[in-house]
Amino acid sequence: MEQIIHDEKNGLDYQLVGDYYLPMLKAPETPQIGRFGRMHYDYIRKHKKVLFSGLWLSGEINGYIEQIDRNAEEMFSQLVKQLAESEGVTEQLKADNQMLWIQRMNNIRNRAEEIVLSEVVLV
């Protein structure tokens, strides 16, 4: 008996285990998402049930969440960079007064996160 057979009808491969052929199934790939992707996933699951159900049933949920996460992370990093430049938060300030630099960068990061949440994640 052959160890592995391929069924053309359903496109699955089967492996011989003992006296039985068992399907060689693979788990779907887990999406590589960050915090913004997880927040958006939770938001649409709780508040946009029709969109969530449509994406889930069509199998497009992982790609959609990954795209949202990439867009949000890119927007966040650009905003932090732009806000830091416009407010004069530089490496020189970091060298001269670290605590002031940390305070200002935390403020900038919090504002950038709020903007990303309101424009990309919670939409």
C-alpha atoms as a PDB file:
ATOM      1  CA  MET A   1       0.000   0.000   0.000  1.00  0.00           C
ATOM      2  CA  GLU A   2       1.154   3.505  -0.767  1.00  0.00           C
ATOM      3  CA  GLN A   3       2.143   5.701   2.177  1.00  0.00           C
ATOM      4  CA  ILE A   4       0.693   8.932   0.726  1.00  0.00           C
ATOM      5  CA  ILE A   5      -2.105   9.261  -1.813  1.00  0.00           C
ATOM      6  CA  HIS A   6      -3.662  12.314  -3.430  1.00  0.00           C
ATOM      7  CA  ASP A   7      -7.429  12.572  -3.972  1.00  0.00           C
ATOM      8  CA  GLU A   8      -8.144  14.608  -7.128  1.00  0.00           C
ATOM      9  CA  LYS A   9     -11.808  15.014  -6.185  1.00  0.00           C
ATOM     10  CA  ASN A  10     -11.207  17.128  -3.067  1.00  0.00           C
ATOM     11  CA  GLY A  11      -7.552  18.034  -3.550  1.00  0.00           C
ATOM     12  CA  LEU A  12      -6.375  16.507  -0.260  1.00  0.00           C
ATOM     13  CA  ASP A  13      -3.396  14.298   0.452  1.00  0.00           C
ATOM     14  CA  TYR A  14      -3.855  11.274   2.704  1.00  0.00           C
ATOM     15  CA  GLN A  15      -1.180   9.465   4.699  1.00  0.00           C
ATOM     16  CA  LEU A  16      -1.336   5.803   5.698  1.00  0.00           C
ATOM     17  CA  VAL A  17      -1.398   5.452   9.493  1.00  0.00           C
ATOM     18  CA  GLY A  18      -1.788   1.848  10.566  1.00  0.00           C
ATOM     19  CA  ASP A  19      -4.658   0.484   8.473  1.00  0.00           C
ATOM     20  CA  TYR A  20      -6.283   3.855   7.746  1.00  0.00           C
ATOM     21  CA  TYR A  21      -5.612   6.798   5.461  1.00  0.00           C
ATOM     22  CA  LEU A  22      -5.850  10.054   7.405  1.00  0.00           C
ATOM     23  CA  PRO A  23      -6.034  13.478   5.730  1.00  0.00           C
ATOM     24  CA  MET A  24      -2.895  15.591   5.934  1.00  0.00           C
ATOM     25  CA  LEU A  25      -4.495  18.826   7.094  1.00  0.00           C
ATOM     26  CA  LYS A  26      -2.640  22.036   7.803  1.00  0.00           C
ATOM     27  CA  ALA A  27      -3.741  24.692  10.253  1.00  0.00           C
ATOM     28  CA  PRO A  28      -4.322  28.101   8.666  1.00  0.00           C
ATOM     29  CA  GLU A  29      -1.506  30.575   9.042  1.00  0.00           C
ATOM     30  CA  THR A  30      -1.875  32.878  11.981  1.00  0.00           C
ATOM     31  CA  PRO A  31      -1.848  36.531  11.009  1.00  0.00           C
ATOM     32  CA  GLN A  32       1.138  38.628  12.034  1.00  0.00           C
ATOM     33  CA  ILE A  33      -0.577  41.560  13.689  1.00  0.00           C
ATOM     34  CA  GLY A  34       0.366  44.098  16.303  1.00  0.00           C
ATOM     35  CA  ARG A  35      -1.596  46.116  18.811  1.00  0.00           C
ATOM     36  CA  PHE A  36      -3.501  48.215  16.272  1.00  0.00           C
ATOM     37  CA  GLY A  37      -4.594  45.108  14.375  1.00  0.00           C
ATOM     38  CA  ARG A  38      -5.799  43.439  17.572  1.00  0.00           C
ATOM     39  CA  MET A  39      -7.695  46.580  18.584  1.00  0.00           C
ATOM     40  CA  HIS A  40      -9.379  46.812  15.176  1.00  0.00           C
ATOM     41  CA  TYR A  41     -10.251  43.103  15.247  1.00  0.00           C
ATOM     42  CA  ASP A  42     -11.934  43.504  18.655  1.00  0.00           C
ATOM     43  CA  TYR A  43     -13.692  46.671  17.511  1.00  0.00           C
ATOM     44  CA  ILE A  44     -15.246  45.179  14.371  1.00  0.00           C
ATOM     45  CA  ARG A  45     -16.106  41.955  16.215  1.00  0.00           C
ATOM     46  CA  LYS A  46     -18.079  43.904  18.833  1.00  0.00           C
ATOM     47  CA  HIS A  47     -19.412  46.913  16.897  1.00  0.00           C
ATOM     48  CA  LYS A  48     -19.403  46.048  13.168  1.00  0.00           C
ATOM     49  CA  LYS A  49     -20.843  42.551  13.211  1.00  0.00           C
ATOM     50  CA  VAL A  50     -21.951  42.493   9.565  1.00  0.00           C
ATOM     51  CA  LEU A  51     -18.485  43.478   8.323  1.00  0.00           C
ATOM     52  CA  PHE A  52     -16.841  40.999  10.685  1.00  0.00           C
ATOM     53  CA  SER A  53     -19.145  38.152   9.630  1.00  0.00           C
ATOM     54  CA  GLY A  54     -18.623  38.867   5.937  1.00  0.00           C
ATOM     55  CA  LEU A  55     -14.831  38.925   6.291  1.00  0.00           C
ATOM     56  CA  TRP A  56     -14.835  35.841   8.495  1.00  0.00           C
ATOM     57  CA  LEU A  57     -17.047  33.778   6.197  1.00  0.00           C
ATOM     58  CA  SER A  58     -15.148  34.772   3.067  1.00  0.00           C
ATOM     59  CA  GLY A  59     -11.807  33.938   4.717  1.00  0.00           C
ATOM     60  CA  GLU A  60     -10.437  37.431   4.170  1.00  0.00           C
ATOM     61  CA  ILE A  61     -10.310  38.466   7.839  1.00  0.00           C
ATOM     62  CA  ASN A  62      -6.566  37.790   8.319  1.00  0.00           C
ATOM     63  CA  GLY A  63      -5.478  39.770   5.269  1.00  0.00           C
ATOM     64  CA  TYR A  64      -7.807  42.620   6.149  1.00  0.00           C
ATOM     65  CA  ILE A  65      -6.544  42.854   9.745  1.00  0.00           C
ATOM     66  CA  GLU A  66      -2.905  42.611   8.643  1.00  0.00           C
ATOM     67  CA  GLN A  67      -3.439  45.476   6.162  1.00  0.00           C
ATOM     68  CA  ILE A  68      -5.121  47.655   8.804  1.00  0.00           C
ATOM     69  CA  ASP A  69      -2.277  46.934  11.230  1.00  0.00           C
ATOM     70  CA  ARG A  70       0.404  47.824   8.652  1.00  0.00           C
ATOM     71  CA  ASN A  71      -1.373  51.072   7.726  1.00  0.00           C
ATOM     72  CA  ALA A  72      -1.854  52.050  11.359  1.00  0.00           C
ATOM     73  CA  GLU A  73       1.759  51.297  12.346  1.00  0.00           C
ATOM     74  CA  GLU A  74       3.081  53.259   9.361  1.00  0.00           C
ATOM     75  CA  MET A  75       0.828  56.212  10.139  1.00  0.00           C
ATOM     76  CA  PHE A  76       1.835  56.098  13.816  1.00  0.00           C
ATOM     77  CA  SER A  77       5.578  56.156  13.098  1.00  0.00           C
ATOM     78  CA  GLN A  78       5.196  58.999  10.573  1.00  0.00           C
ATOM     79  CA  LEU A  79       3.108  61.040  12.998  1.00  0.00           C
ATOM     80  CA  VAL A  80       5.607  60.586  15.827  1.00  0.00           C
ATOM     81  CA  LYS A  81       8.446  61.664  13.548  1.00  0.00           C
ATOM     82  CA  GLN A  82       6.549  64.700  12.209  1.00  0.00           C
ATOM     83  CA  LEU A  83       5.321  65.844  15.620  1.00  0.00           C
ATOM     84  CA  ALA A  84       8.784  65.495  17.139  1.00  0.00           C
ATOM     85  CA  GLU A  85      10.298  67.589  14.348  1.00  0.00           C
ATOM     86  CA  SER A  86       7.638  70.273  14.577  1.00  0.00           C
ATOM     87  CA  GLU A  87       8.015  70.576  18.362  1.00  0.00           C
ATOM     88  CA  GLY A  88      11.814  70.588  18.347  1.00  0.00           C
ATOM     89  CA  VAL A  89      12.275  67.303  20.194  1.00  0.00           C
ATOM     90  CA  THR A  90      15.748  66.345  19.011  1.00  0.00           C
ATOM     91  CA  GLU A  91      18.675  64.171  20.002  1.00  0.00           C
ATOM     92  CA  GLN A  92      20.316  67.297  21.393  1.00  0.00           C
ATOM     93  CA  LEU A  93      17.414  67.721  23.833  1.00  0.00           C
ATOM     94  CA  LYS A  94      17.799  64.054  24.753  1.00  0.00           C
ATOM     95  CA  ALA A  95      21.481  64.588  25.536  1.00  0.00           C
ATOM     96  CA  ASP A  96      20.862  67.809  27.512  1.00  0.00           C
ATOM     97  CA  ASN A  97      17.719  66.920  29.485  1.00  0.00           C
ATOM     98  CA  GLN A  98      16.618  63.292  29.299  1.00  0.00           C
ATOM     99  CA  MET A  99      13.560  63.633  31.530  1.00  0.00           C
ATOM    100  CA  LEU A 100      12.160  66.519  29.477  1.00  0.00           C
ATOM    101  CA  TRP A 101      12.807  64.532  26.292  1.00  0.00           C
ATOM    102  CA  ILE A 102      10.968  61.501  27.730  1.00  0.00           C
ATOM    103  CA  GLN A 103       8.056  63.677  28.833  1.00  0.00           C
ATOM    104  CA  ARG A 104       7.690  65.270  25.415  1.00  0.00           C
ATOM    105  CA  MET A 105       8.108  61.985  23.499  1.00  0.00           C
ATOM    106  CA  ASN A 106       5.489  60.276  25.674  1.00  0.00           C
ATOM    107  CA  ASN A 107       3.140  63.179  25.003  1.00  0.00           C
ATOM    108  CA  ILE A 108       3.802  62.950  21.250  1.00  0.00           C
ATOM    109  CA  ARG A 109       3.346  59.155  21.201  1.00  0.00           C
ATOM    110  CA  ASN A 110       0.048  59.416  23.093  1.00  0.00           C
ATOM    111  CA  ARG A 111      -1.293  62.055  20.705  1.00  0.00           C
ATOM    112  CA  ALA A 112      -0.176  60.070  17.653  1.00  0.00           C
ATOM    113  CA  GLU A 113      -1.848  56.948  19.040  1.00  0.00           C
ATOM    114  CA  GLU A 114      -5.115  58.815  19.599  1.00  0.00           C
ATOM    115  CA  ILE A 115      -5.039  60.092  16.016  1.00  0.00           C
ATOM    116  CA  VAL A 116      -4.368  56.616  14.600  1.00  0.00           C
ATOM    117  CA  LEU A 117      -7.109  55.091  16.744  1.00  0.00           C
ATOM    118  CA  SER A 118      -9.679  57.648  15.644  1.00  0.00           C
ATOM    119  CA  GLU A 119      -8.774  57.604  11.937  1.00  0.00           C
ATOM    120  CA  VAL A 120      -7.771  54.014  11.184  1.00  0.00           C
ATOM    121  CA  VAL A 121      -8.521  51.558  13.983  1.00  0.00           C
ATOM    122  CA  LEU A 122     -11.922  52.600  15.313  1.00  0.00           C
ATOM    123  CA  VAL A 123     -13.582  53.217  11.947  1.00  0.00           C
END
